[in-house]
PDB file of N, CA and C in Angstrom:
ATOM      1  N   MET A   1      11.120  87.535   8.301  1.00  0.00           N
ATOM      2  CA  MET A   1       9.878  87.095   8.521  1.00  0.00           C
ATOM      3  C   MET A   1      10.253  85.823   9.431  1.00  0.00           C
ATOM      4  N   THR A   2      11.383  85.222   9.153  1.00  0.00           N
ATOM      5  CA  THR A   2      11.205  84.041   9.870  1.00  0.00           C
ATOM      6  C   THR A   2      11.732  84.168  11.582  1.00  0.00           C
ATOM      7  N   ALA A   3      12.129  85.352  11.753  1.00  0.00           N
ATOM      8  CA  ALA A   3      12.379  85.853  13.307  1.00  0.00           C
ATOM      9  C   ALA A   3      10.908  85.942  13.723  1.00  0.00           C
ATOM     10  N   VAL A   4      10.393  86.636  13.167  1.00  0.00           N
ATOM     11  CA  VAL A   4       8.764  86.811  13.451  1.00  0.00           C
ATOM     12  C   VAL A   4       7.981  85.265  13.826  1.00  0.00           C
ATOM     13  N   GLN A   5       8.062  84.192  12.594  1.00  0.00           N
ATOM     14  CA  GLN A   5       7.455  83.223  12.939  1.00  0.00           C
ATOM     15  C   GLN A   5       8.204  82.514  14.197  1.00  0.00           C
ATOM     16  N   ASP A   6       9.384  82.324  14.201  1.00  0.00           N
ATOM     17  CA  ASP A   6       9.788  81.933  15.342  1.00  0.00           C
ATOM     18  C   ASP A   6       9.385  82.117  16.709  1.00  0.00           C
ATOM     19  N   ILE A   7       9.464  83.880  16.870  1.00  0.00           N
ATOM     20  CA  ILE A   7       8.812  83.867  18.066  1.00  0.00           C
ATOM     21  C   ILE A   7       7.391  83.779  17.925  1.00  0.00           C
ATOM     22  N   LEU A   8       6.531  83.919  17.200  1.00  0.00           N
ATOM     23  CA  LEU A   8       5.198  83.245  17.548  1.00  0.00           C
ATOM     24  C   LEU A   8       4.888  81.780  17.647  1.00  0.00           C
ATOM     25  N   ARG A   9       5.859  81.138  17.272  1.00  0.00           N
ATOM     26  CA  ARG A   9       5.752  79.587  17.595  1.00  0.00           C
ATOM     27  C   ARG A   9       6.317  79.489  18.935  1.00  0.00           C
ATOM     28  N   SER A  10       7.222  80.424  19.495  1.00  0.00           N
ATOM     29  CA  SER A  10       7.348  80.295  20.942  1.00  0.00           C
ATOM     30  C   SER A  10       6.105  80.328  21.840  1.00  0.00           C
ATOM     31  N   PHE A  11       5.240  80.860  21.258  1.00  0.00           N
ATOM     32  CA  PHE A  11       4.147  81.204  22.071  1.00  0.00           C
ATOM     33  C   PHE A  11       3.126  80.399  21.620  1.00  0.00           C
ATOM     34  N   GLY A  12       3.319  79.216  20.928  1.00  0.00           N
ATOM     35  CA  GLY A  12       2.228  78.300  20.895  1.00  0.00           C
ATOM     36  C   GLY A  12       1.324  78.726  19.727  1.00  0.00           C
ATOM     37  N   ILE A  13       1.730  79.863  18.910  1.00  0.00           N
ATOM     38  CA  ILE A  13       1.052  80.369  17.745  1.00  0.00           C
ATOM     39  C   ILE A  13       1.525  79.934  16.390  1.00  0.00           C
ATOM     40  N   THR A  14       0.516  78.980  15.992  1.00  0.00           N
ATOM     41  CA  THR A  14       0.971  78.240  14.946  1.00  0.00           C
ATOM     42  C   THR A  14       0.308  78.543  13.499  1.00  0.00           C
ATOM     43  N   ARG A  15       0.795  78.068  12.518  1.00  0.00           N
ATOM     44  CA  ARG A  15      -0.069  78.077  11.248  1.00  0.00           C
ATOM     45  C   ARG A  15      -1.661  78.213  11.472  1.00  0.00           C
ATOM     46  N   CYS A  16      -2.152  77.083  12.544  1.00  0.00           N
ATOM     47  CA  CYS A  16      -3.581  76.414  12.468  1.00  0.00           C
ATOM     48  C   CYS A  16      -4.328  77.736  12.934  1.00  0.00           C
ATOM     49  N   TYR A  17      -3.607  78.921  13.515  1.00  0.00           N
ATOM     50  CA  TYR A  17      -4.533  79.865  14.106  1.00  0.00           C
ATOM     51  C   TYR A  17      -4.818  80.616  13.052  1.00  0.00           C
ATOM     52  N   LYS A  18      -5.907  80.900  12.791  1.00  0.00           N
ATOM     53  CA  LYS A  18      -6.493  82.324  11.600  1.00  0.00           C
ATOM     54  C   LYS A  18      -5.813  83.379  11.807  1.00  0.00           C
ATOM     55  N   GLY A  19      -5.244  83.478  12.927  1.00  0.00           N
ATOM     56  CA  GLY A  19      -4.548  85.181  13.226  1.00  0.00           C
ATOM     57  C   GLY A  19      -3.063  84.848  12.979  1.00  0.00           C
ATOM     58  N   PHE A  20      -2.491  83.810  12.584  1.00  0.00           N
ATOM     59  CA  PHE A  20      -1.225  83.559  12.411  1.00  0.00           C
ATOM     60  C   PHE A  20      -0.377  84.594  11.360  1.00  0.00           C
ATOM     61  N   LYS A  21      -1.305  84.796  10.249  1.00  0.00           N
ATOM     62  CA  LYS A  21      -0.661  85.522   9.482  1.00  0.00           C
ATOM     63  C   LYS A  21      -0.759  86.873   9.347  1.00  0.00           C
ATOM     64  N   HIS A  22      -2.144  87.153   9.802  1.00  0.00           N
ATOM     65  CA  HIS A  22      -2.497  88.655  10.146  1.00  0.00           C
ATOM     66  C   HIS A  22      -1.179  89.088  11.228  1.00  0.00           C
ATOM     67  N   THR A  23      -1.138  88.218  12.379  1.00  0.00           N
ATOM     68  CA  THR A  23      -0.181  88.736  13.463  1.00  0.00           C
ATOM     69  C   THR A  23       1.221  89.081  12.681  1.00  0.00           C
ATOM     70  N   GLU A  24       1.630  87.779  12.100  1.00  0.00           N
ATOM     71  CA  GLU A  24       2.976  88.062  11.285  1.00  0.00           C
ATOM     72  C   GLU A  24       2.891  89.346  10.287  1.00  0.00           C
ATOM     73  N   TYR A  25       2.069  89.356   9.598  1.00  0.00           N
ATOM     74  CA  TYR A  25       2.140  90.680   8.415  1.00  0.00           C
ATOM     75  C   TYR A  25       2.200  92.009   9.665  1.00  0.00           C
ATOM     76  N   ALA A  26       1.323  92.035  10.432  1.00  0.00           N
ATOM     77  CA  ALA A  26       1.326  93.300  10.981  1.00  0.00           C
ATOM     78  C   ALA A  26       2.420  93.754  11.889  1.00  0.00           C
ATOM     79  N   ILE A  27       2.839  92.627  12.482  1.00  0.00           N
ATOM     80  CA  ILE A  27       4.581  92.856  13.166  1.00  0.00           C
ATOM     81  C   ILE A  27       5.544  93.208  12.006  1.00  0.00           C
ATOM     82  N   CYS A  28       5.683  92.616  11.037  1.00  0.00           N
ATOM     83  CA  CYS A  28       6.512  92.971   9.982  1.00  0.00           C
ATOM     84  C   CYS A  28       6.185  94.378   9.358  1.00  0.00           C
ATOM     85  N   LEU A  29       5.124  94.835   9.300  1.00  0.00           N
ATOM     86  CA  LEU A  29       4.826  96.118   9.005  1.00  0.00           C
ATOM     87  C   LEU A  29       5.691  97.208   9.828  1.00  0.00           C
ATOM     88  N   ALA A  30       5.130  96.879  11.162  1.00  0.00           N
ATOM     89  CA  ALA A  30       5.738  97.654  12.314  1.00  0.00           C
ATOM     90  C   ALA A  30       7.312  97.632  12.325  1.00  0.00           C
ATOM     91  N   ILE A  31       8.105  96.521  12.163  1.00  0.00           N
ATOM     92  CA  ILE A  31       9.342  96.341  12.037  1.00  0.00           C
ATOM     93  C   ILE A  31      10.088  97.051  10.962  1.00  0.00           C
ATOM     94  N   GLN A  32       9.079  97.074   9.690  1.00  0.00           N
ATOM     95  CA  GLN A  32       9.692  98.093   8.519  1.00  0.00           C
ATOM     96  C   GLN A  32       9.621  99.744   8.615  1.00  0.00           C
ATOM     97  N   ASP A  33       8.486 100.042   9.537  1.00  0.00           N
ATOM     98  CA  ASP A  33       8.502 101.261   9.992  1.00  0.00           C
ATOM     99  C   ASP A  33       7.768 101.370  11.285  1.00  0.00           C
ATOM    100  N   GLU A  34       8.598 101.704  12.424  1.00  0.00           N
ATOM    101  CA  GLU A  34       7.964 102.017  13.702  1.00  0.00           C
ATOM    102  C   GLU A  34       7.172 103.000  13.668  1.00  0.00           C
ATOM    103  N   SER A  35       7.220 104.080  12.875  1.00  0.00           N
ATOM    104  CA  SER A  35       6.052 104.998  13.065  1.00  0.00           C
ATOM    105  C   SER A  35       4.667 104.700  12.661  1.00  0.00           C
ATOM    106  N   ARG A  36       4.495 103.274  12.210  1.00  0.00           N
ATOM    107  CA  ARG A  36       3.189 103.116  12.152  1.00  0.00           C
ATOM    108  C   ARG A  36       2.627 102.725  12.986  1.00  0.00           C
ATOM    109  N   LEU A  37       3.508 102.414  14.363  1.00  0.00           N
ATOM    110  CA  LEU A  37       2.619 102.156  15.679  1.00  0.00           C
ATOM    111  C   LEU A  37       2.142 103.346  16.343  1.00  0.00           C
ATOM    112  N   GLU A  38       2.073 104.397  15.767  1.00  0.00           N
ATOM    113  CA  GLU A  38       1.507 105.798  15.977  1.00  0.00           C
ATOM    114  C   GLU A  38       0.126 105.908  15.655  1.00  0.00           C
ATOM    115  N   ALA A  39      -0.239 105.068  14.527  1.00  0.00           N
ATOM    116  CA  ALA A  39      -1.559 104.906  14.008  1.00  0.00           C
ATOM    117  C   ALA A  39      -2.021 103.903  13.724  1.00  0.00           C
ATOM    118  N   ILE A  40      -1.937 102.893  14.742  1.00  0.00           N
ATOM    119  CA  ILE A  40      -2.049 101.751  14.391  1.00  0.00           C
ATOM    120  C   ILE A  40      -3.187 101.053  13.441  1.00  0.00           C
ATOM    121  N   THR A  41      -4.031 101.489  13.665  1.00  0.00           N
ATOM    122  CA  THR A  41      -5.738 101.101  12.990  1.00  0.00           C
ATOM    123  C   THR A  41      -5.124 101.578  11.510  1.00  0.00           C
ATOM    124  N   LYS A  42      -4.943 102.783  11.329  1.00  0.00           N
ATOM    125  CA  LYS A  42      -4.808 103.361  10.038  1.00  0.00           C
ATOM    126  C   LYS A  42      -3.680 102.336   9.106  1.00  0.00           C
ATOM    127  N   GLU A  43      -2.523 102.476  10.056  1.00  0.00           N
ATOM    128  CA  GLU A  43      -1.228 102.050   9.024  1.00  0.00           C
ATOM    129  C   GLU A  43      -0.740 100.677   9.377  1.00  0.00           C
ATOM    130  N   ILE A  44      -1.593 100.018  10.571  1.00  0.00           N
ATOM    131  CA  ILE A  44      -1.147  98.642  10.402  1.00  0.00           C
ATOM    132  C   ILE A  44      -2.571  97.678  10.223  1.00  0.00           C
ATOM    133  N   TYR A  45      -3.599  97.825  10.861  1.00  0.00           N
ATOM    134  CA  TYR A  45      -4.680  96.845  10.952  1.00  0.00           C
ATOM    135  C   TYR A  45      -5.429  97.106   9.469  1.00  0.00           C
ATOM    136  N   MET A  46      -5.371  98.600   8.930  1.00  0.00           N
ATOM    137  CA  MET A  46      -6.078  98.806   7.525  1.00  0.00           C
ATOM    138  C   MET A  46      -5.380  98.265   6.543  1.00  0.00           C
ATOM    139  N   GLU A  47      -3.881  98.113   6.881  1.00  0.00           N
ATOM    140  CA  GLU A  47      -3.009  98.119   5.699  1.00  0.00           C
ATOM    141  C   GLU A  47      -3.222  96.384   5.554  1.00  0.00           C
ATOM    142  N   THR A  48      -3.006  95.844   6.838  1.00  0.00           N
ATOM    143  CA  THR A  48      -2.987  94.131   6.773  1.00  0.00           C
ATOM    144  C   THR A  48      -4.360  93.839   6.124  1.00  0.00           C
ATOM    145  N   ALA A  49      -5.617  94.444   6.554  1.00  0.00           N
ATOM    146  CA  ALA A  49      -6.941  94.084   5.969  1.00  0.00           C
ATOM    147  C   ALA A  49      -6.799  94.038   4.466  1.00  0.00           C
ATOM    148  N   GLU A  50      -6.485  95.148   3.996  1.00  0.00           N
ATOM    149  CA  GLU A  50      -6.243  95.435   2.653  1.00  0.00           C
ATOM    150  C   GLU A  50      -5.406  94.208   1.870  1.00  0.00           C
ATOM    151  N   HIS A  51      -4.438  93.596   2.385  1.00  0.00           N
ATOM    152  CA  HIS A  51      -3.346  92.869   1.994  1.00  0.00           C
ATOM    153  C   HIS A  51      -4.346  91.154   1.760  1.00  0.00           C
ATOM    154  N   PHE A  52      -4.985  91.138   2.994  1.00  0.00           N
ATOM    155  CA  PHE A  52      -5.688  89.844   3.111  1.00  0.00           C
ATOM    156  C   PHE A  52      -7.068  89.804   2.984  1.00  0.00           C
ATOM    157  N   GLU A  53      -7.784  90.965   2.010  1.00  0.00           N
ATOM    158  CA  GLU A  53      -8.881  91.329   1.524  1.00  0.00           C
ATOM    159  C   GLU A  53      -9.921  90.843   2.469  1.00  0.00           C
ATOM    160  N   CYS A  54      -9.880  91.805   3.823  1.00  0.00           N
ATOM    161  CA  CYS A  54     -10.910  91.268   4.971  1.00  0.00           C
ATOM    162  C   CYS A  54     -11.122  92.640   5.560  1.00  0.00           C
ATOM    163  N   ASN A  55     -11.816  92.954   6.461  1.00  0.00           N
ATOM    164  CA  ASN A  55     -12.342  93.718   7.407  1.00  0.00           C
ATOM    165  C   ASN A  55     -11.124  93.906   8.270  1.00  0.00           C
ATOM    166  N   TRP A  56     -10.515  95.272   8.557  1.00  0.00           N
ATOM    167  CA  TRP A  56      -9.478  95.473   9.559  1.00  0.00           C
ATOM    168  C   TRP A  56     -10.062  95.094  10.890  1.00  0.00           C
ATOM    169  N   THR A  57     -11.223  95.180  11.268  1.00  0.00           N
ATOM    170  CA  THR A  57     -11.788  94.623  12.449  1.00  0.00           C
ATOM    171  C   THR A  57     -11.522  93.245  12.885  1.00  0.00           C
ATOM    172  N   ALA A  58     -11.573  92.542  11.657  1.00  0.00           N
ATOM    173  CA  ALA A  58     -11.310  90.841  11.706  1.00  0.00           C
ATOM    174  C   ALA A  58      -9.827  90.816  11.832  1.00  0.00           C
ATOM    175  N   VAL A  59      -9.138  91.637  11.508  1.00  0.00           N
ATOM    176  CA  VAL A  59      -7.777  91.453  11.612  1.00  0.00           C
ATOM    177  C   VAL A  59      -7.393  91.730  12.965  1.00  0.00           C
ATOM    178  N   GLU A  60      -7.905  92.674  13.875  1.00  0.00           N
ATOM    179  CA  GLU A  60      -7.549  93.228  15.185  1.00  0.00           C
ATOM    180  C   GLU A  60      -7.990  91.691  16.021  1.00  0.00           C
ATOM    181  N   ARG A  61      -9.196  91.391  15.752  1.00  0.00           N
ATOM    182  CA  ARG A  61      -9.701  90.340  16.572  1.00  0.00           C
ATOM    183  C   ARG A  61      -8.773  89.211  16.482  1.00  0.00           C
ATOM    184  N   ASN A  62      -8.235  88.601  15.308  1.00  0.00           N
ATOM    185  CA  ASN A  62      -7.553  87.527  14.806  1.00  0.00           C
ATOM    186  C   ASN A  62      -6.153  87.911  15.601  1.00  0.00           C
ATOM    187  N   ILE A  63      -5.765  89.282  15.617  1.00  0.00           N
ATOM    188  CA  ILE A  63      -4.545  89.330  16.510  1.00  0.00           C
ATOM    189  C   ILE A  63      -4.720  89.338  18.098  1.00  0.00           C
ATOM    190  N   ARG A  64      -5.892  89.734  18.425  1.00  0.00           N
ATOM    191  CA  ARG A  64      -6.175  89.711  19.794  1.00  0.00           C
ATOM    192  C   ARG A  64      -6.243  88.068  20.320  1.00  0.00           C
ATOM    193  N   THR A  65      -6.642  87.332  19.496  1.00  0.00           N
ATOM    194  CA  THR A  65      -6.910  85.633  19.479  1.00  0.00           C
ATOM    195  C   THR A  65      -5.224  85.116  20.044  1.00  0.00           C
ATOM    196  N   ALA A  66      -4.311  85.499  19.033  1.00  0.00           N
ATOM    197  CA  ALA A  66      -3.052  85.174  18.943  1.00  0.00           C
ATOM    198  C   ALA A  66      -2.549  85.798  20.283  1.00  0.00           C
ATOM    199  N   VAL A  67      -2.767  86.999  20.886  1.00  0.00           N
ATOM    200  CA  VAL A  67      -2.166  87.544  21.709  1.00  0.00           C
ATOM    201  C   VAL A  67      -2.627  86.653  23.376  1.00  0.00           C
ATOM    202  N   SER A  68      -3.935  86.553  23.310  1.00  0.00           N
ATOM    203  CA  SER A  68      -4.574  85.357  24.280  1.00  0.00           C
ATOM    204  C   SER A  68      -3.642  84.174  24.355  1.00  0.00           C
ATOM    205  N   ARG A  69      -3.288  83.859  23.154  1.00  0.00           N
ATOM    206  CA  ARG A  69      -2.739  82.356  23.271  1.00  0.00           C
ATOM    207  C   ARG A  69      -1.007  82.708  23.773  1.00  0.00           C
ATOM    208  N   ALA A  70      -0.618  83.844  23.398  1.00  0.00           N
ATOM    209  CA  ALA A  70       0.723  83.907  24.049  1.00  0.00           C
ATOM    210  C   ALA A  70       0.724  84.242  25.404  1.00  0.00           C
ATOM    211  N   TRP A  71      -0.228  84.860  25.677  1.00  0.00           N
ATOM    212  CA  TRP A  71      -0.283  85.270  27.120  1.00  0.00           C
ATOM    213  C   TRP A  71      -0.557  83.954  27.971  1.00  0.00           C
ATOM    214  N   THR A  72      -1.453  82.928  27.323  1.00  0.00           N
ATOM    215  CA  THR A  72      -1.805  81.694  28.129  1.00  0.00           C
ATOM    216  C   THR A  72      -0.407  80.912  28.310  1.00  0.00           C
ATOM    217  N   VAL A  73       0.166  80.745  27.293  1.00  0.00           N
ATOM    218  CA  VAL A  73       1.116  79.706  26.769  1.00  0.00           C
ATOM    219  C   VAL A  73       2.554  80.072  27.670  1.00  0.00           C
ATOM    220  N   ASN A  74       3.023  81.705  27.389  1.00  0.00           N
ATOM    221  CA  ASN A  74       4.058  81.795  27.962  1.00  0.00           C
ATOM    222  C   ASN A  74       4.408  83.361  28.642  1.00  0.00           C
ATOM    223  N   PRO A  75       3.390  83.699  29.328  1.00  0.00           N
ATOM    224  CA  PRO A  75       3.581  85.023  30.117  1.00  0.00           C
ATOM    225  C   PRO A  75       4.986  85.731  30.389  1.00  0.00           C
ATOM    226  N   ASP A  76       5.717  84.868  30.872  1.00  0.00           N
ATOM    227  CA  ASP A  76       7.120  85.302  31.479  1.00  0.00           C
ATOM    228  C   ASP A  76       7.582  85.559  30.064  1.00  0.00           C
ATOM    229  N   LEU A  77       7.870  84.863  29.224  1.00  0.00           N
ATOM    230  CA  LEU A  77       8.606  85.241  27.753  1.00  0.00           C
ATOM    231  C   LEU A  77       8.241  86.542  27.490  1.00  0.00           C
ATOM    232  N   LEU A  78       6.899  86.696  27.317  1.00  0.00           N
ATOM    233  CA  LEU A  78       6.239  87.997  26.808  1.00  0.00           C
ATOM    234  C   LEU A  78       6.864  89.237  27.810  1.00  0.00           C
ATOM    235  N   CYS A  79       6.993  88.997  29.132  1.00  0.00           N
ATOM    236  CA  CYS A  79       7.419  89.983  29.815  1.00  0.00           C
ATOM    237  C   CYS A  79       8.643  90.416  29.663  1.00  0.00           C
ATOM    238  N   GLN A  80       9.400  89.100  29.595  1.00  0.00           N
ATOM    239  CA  GLN A  80      11.149  89.563  29.296  1.00  0.00           C
ATOM    240  C   GLN A  80      11.163  90.263  28.102  1.00  0.00           C
ATOM    241  N   MET A  81      10.510  89.855  27.080  1.00  0.00           N
ATOM    242  CA  MET A  81      10.660  90.350  25.683  1.00  0.00           C
ATOM    243  C   MET A  81       9.981  92.170  25.649  1.00  0.00           C
ATOM    244  N   ALA A  82       9.381  92.366  26.695  1.00  0.00           N
ATOM    245  CA  ALA A  82       8.681  93.618  26.811  1.00  0.00           C
ATOM    246  C   ALA A  82       9.584  94.472  27.474  1.00  0.00           C
ATOM    247  N   GLY A  83      10.387  94.006  28.492  1.00  0.00           N
ATOM    248  CA  GLY A  83      11.373  94.595  29.106  1.00  0.00           C
ATOM    249  C   GLY A  83      10.739  95.355  30.294  1.00  0.00           C
ATOM    250  N   TYR A  84       9.567  94.989  30.768  1.00  0.00           N
ATOM    251  CA  TYR A  84       9.081  95.621  31.618  1.00  0.00           C
ATOM    252  C   TYR A  84       7.895  94.621  32.314  1.00  0.00           C
ATOM    253  N   PRO A  85       7.428  94.678  33.525  1.00  0.00           N
ATOM    254  CA  PRO A  85       6.459  93.724  33.944  1.00  0.00           C
ATOM    255  C   PRO A  85       5.097  94.025  33.548  1.00  0.00           C
ATOM    256  N   LEU A  86       4.292  92.849  33.126  1.00  0.00           N
ATOM    257  CA  LEU A  86       3.256  92.930  32.369  1.00  0.00           C
ATOM    258  C   LEU A  86       1.687  92.221  33.279  1.00  0.00           C
ATOM    259  N   GLU A  87       1.143  93.304  33.820  1.00  0.00           N
ATOM    260  CA  GLU A  87       0.378  92.480  35.006  1.00  0.00           C
ATOM    261  C   GLU A  87      -0.782  92.032  34.269  1.00  0.00           C
ATOM    262  N   SER A  88      -1.210  92.189  33.193  1.00  0.00           N
ATOM    263  CA  SER A  88      -2.386  91.581  32.377  1.00  0.00           C
ATOM    264  C   SER A  88      -1.925  91.445  30.908  1.00  0.00           C
ATOM    265  N   GLU A  89      -3.019  90.744  30.154  1.00  0.00           N
ATOM    266  CA  GLU A  89      -2.893  90.272  29.028  1.00  0.00           C
ATOM    267  C   GLU A  89      -2.703  91.641  28.331  1.00  0.00           C
ATOM    268  N   PRO A  90      -1.475  91.859  27.272  1.00  0.00           N
ATOM    269  CA  PRO A  90      -1.312  92.979  26.511  1.00  0.00           C
ATOM    270  C   PRO A  90      -2.589  93.074  25.444  1.00  0.00           C
ATOM    271  N   THR A  91      -2.677  94.367  25.025  1.00  0.00           N
ATOM    272  CA  THR A  91      -3.851  94.604  23.934  1.00  0.00           C
ATOM    273  C   THR A  91      -3.036  94.071  22.453  1.00  0.00           C
ATOM    274  N   SER A  92      -3.640  94.183  21.348  1.00  0.00           N
ATOM    275  CA  SER A  92      -3.193  93.549  20.237  1.00  0.00           C
ATOM    276  C   SER A  92      -2.268  94.768  19.852  1.00  0.00           C
ATOM    277  N   SER A  93      -2.265  96.048  20.112  1.00  0.00           N
ATOM    278  CA  SER A  93      -1.430  96.747  19.694  1.00  0.00           C
ATOM    279  C   SER A  93      -0.023  97.131  20.536  1.00  0.00           C
ATOM    280  N   GLN A  94      -0.303  96.615  21.712  1.00  0.00           N
ATOM    281  CA  GLN A  94       0.757  96.582  22.487  1.00  0.00           C
ATOM    282  C   GLN A  94       1.749  95.299  22.291  1.00  0.00           C
ATOM    283  N   PHE A  95       1.043  94.235  21.733  1.00  0.00           N
ATOM    284  CA  PHE A  95       1.586  92.979  21.356  1.00  0.00           C
ATOM    285  C   PHE A  95       2.571  93.366  20.053  1.00  0.00           C
ATOM    286  N   ILE A  96       1.848  93.933  19.417  1.00  0.00           N
ATOM    287  CA  ILE A  96       2.670  94.132  18.046  1.00  0.00           C
ATOM    288  C   ILE A  96       3.930  94.945  18.405  1.00  0.00           C
ATOM    289  N   GLU A  97       3.874  95.893  19.491  1.00  0.00           N
ATOM    290  CA  GLU A  97       4.652  96.903  19.563  1.00  0.00           C
ATOM    291  C   GLU A  97       5.992  96.054  20.461  1.00  0.00           C
ATOM    292  N   ILE A  98       5.621  95.259  21.292  1.00  0.00           N
ATOM    293  CA  ILE A  98       6.498  94.159  21.967  1.00  0.00           C
ATOM    294  C   ILE A  98       7.347  93.551  20.898  1.00  0.00           C
ATOM    295  N   ILE A  99       6.835  92.781  20.345  1.00  0.00           N
ATOM    296  CA  ILE A  99       7.400  91.777  19.484  1.00  0.00           C
ATOM    297  C   ILE A  99       8.221  92.705  18.690  1.00  0.00           C
ATOM    298  N   SER A 100       7.839  93.577  17.788  1.00  0.00           N
ATOM    299  CA  SER A 100       8.464  94.136  16.803  1.00  0.00           C
ATOM    300  C   SER A 100       9.730  95.011  17.369  1.00  0.00           C
ATOM    301  N   SER A 101       9.526  95.547  18.661  1.00  0.00           N
ATOM    302  CA  SER A 101      10.743  96.164  19.282  1.00  0.00           C
ATOM    303  C   SER A 101      11.519  95.342  19.803  1.00  0.00           C
ATOM    304  N   TYR A 102      11.300  94.321  20.245  1.00  0.00           N
ATOM    305  CA  TYR A 102      12.304  93.256  20.698  1.00  0.00           C
ATOM    306  C   TYR A 102      13.224  92.709  19.510  1.00  0.00           C
ATOM    307  N   ILE A 103      12.336  92.471  18.304  1.00  0.00           N
ATOM    308  CA  ILE A 103      12.984  91.837  16.873  1.00  0.00           C
ATOM    309  C   ILE A 103      14.082  93.239  16.575  1.00  0.00           C
ATOM    310  N   ILE A 104      13.592  94.370  16.616  1.00  0.00           N
ATOM    311  CA  ILE A 104      14.344  95.425  16.088  1.00  0.00           C
ATOM    312  C   ILE A 104      15.719  95.296  17.082  1.00  0.00           C
ATOM    313  N   ARG A 105      15.641  95.289  18.302  1.00  0.00           N
ATOM    314  CA  ARG A 105      16.589  95.392  19.510  1.00  0.00           C
ATOM    315  C   ARG A 105      17.840  94.229  19.270  1.00  0.00           C
ATOM    316  N   SER A 106      16.905  92.975  19.117  1.00  0.00           N
ATOM    317  CA  SER A 106      18.015  91.853  19.176  1.00  0.00           C
ATOM    318  C   SER A 106      18.773  91.589  17.933  1.00  0.00           C
ATOM    319  N   HIS A 107      18.286  92.443  16.849  1.00  0.00           N
ATOM    320  CA  HIS A 107      18.878  92.310  15.661  1.00  0.00           C
ATOM    321  C   HIS A 107      19.712  93.655  15.101  1.00  0.00           C
ATOM    322  N   GLN A 108      19.745  94.458  16.342  1.00  0.00           N
ATOM    323  CA  GLN A 108      20.929  95.715  15.685  1.00  0.00           C
ATOM    324  C   GLN A 108      22.004  95.549  16.214  1.00  0.00           C
ATOM    325  N   PRO A 109      23.157  95.923  15.659  1.00  0.00           N
ATOM    326  CA  PRO A 109      24.584  95.898  16.133  1.00  0.00           C
ATOM    327  C   PRO A 109      24.547  96.371  17.627  1.00  0.00           C
ATOM    328  N   GLN A 110      25.158  95.622  18.511  1.00  0.00           N
ATOM    329  CA  GLN A 110      25.325  96.356  19.760  1.00  0.00           C
ATOM    330  C   GLN A 110      26.292  97.498  19.525  1.00  0.00           C
ATOM    331  N   PRO A 111      25.953  98.306  20.633  1.00  0.00           N
ATOM    332  CA  PRO A 111      27.047  99.557  20.464  1.00  0.00           C
ATOM    333  C   PRO A 111      28.196  99.325  21.157  1.00  0.00           C
ATOM    334  N   LEU A 112      29.506  99.932  20.555  1.00  0.00           N
ATOM    335  CA  LEU A 112      30.847  99.617  20.687  1.00  0.00           C
ATOM    336  C   LEU A 112      30.973 100.112  22.214  1.00  0.00           C
ATOM    337  N   VAL A 113      31.542  99.163  23.135  1.00  0.00           N
ATOM    338  CA  VAL A 113      32.099  99.620  24.669  1.00  0.00           C
ATOM    339  C   VAL A 113      33.587  99.752  24.544  1.00  0.00           C
ATOM    340  N   LEU A 114      33.860 101.130  24.922  1.00  0.00           N
ATOM    341  CA  LEU A 114      35.391 101.162  25.058  1.00  0.00           C
ATOM    342  C   LEU A 114      35.813 100.957  26.340  1.00  0.00           C
ATOM    343  N   PRO A 115      37.085 100.176  26.218  1.00  0.00           N
ATOM    344  CA  PRO A 115      37.814  99.774  27.741  1.00  0.00           C
ATOM    345  C   PRO A 115      38.028 100.770  28.582  1.00  0.00           C
TER     346      PRO A 115
END
């Protein structure tokens, strides 16, 4: 969770934002099981909503607010994490995928390169 929190803070998304906890939890779900990204509404938004006892549409809206903040504060960092150019603000599901994939890639051992 610390890696997720650190990344969110680098975009100016702090605990002051209502969507901070929803975004953090949703990203952690994606990190635990990447296949959840294939059914993001059911496997991530609804599961997050159940955890926080709210509606899944509120979860998606709060994550969308966090994405907007990230795009406003540091779009270059977001593009770097994505690994491809972003021409517009990503959707909530794209943001979750970008951040979770970045964390997974950056925390996996690098393949051994033989001389």
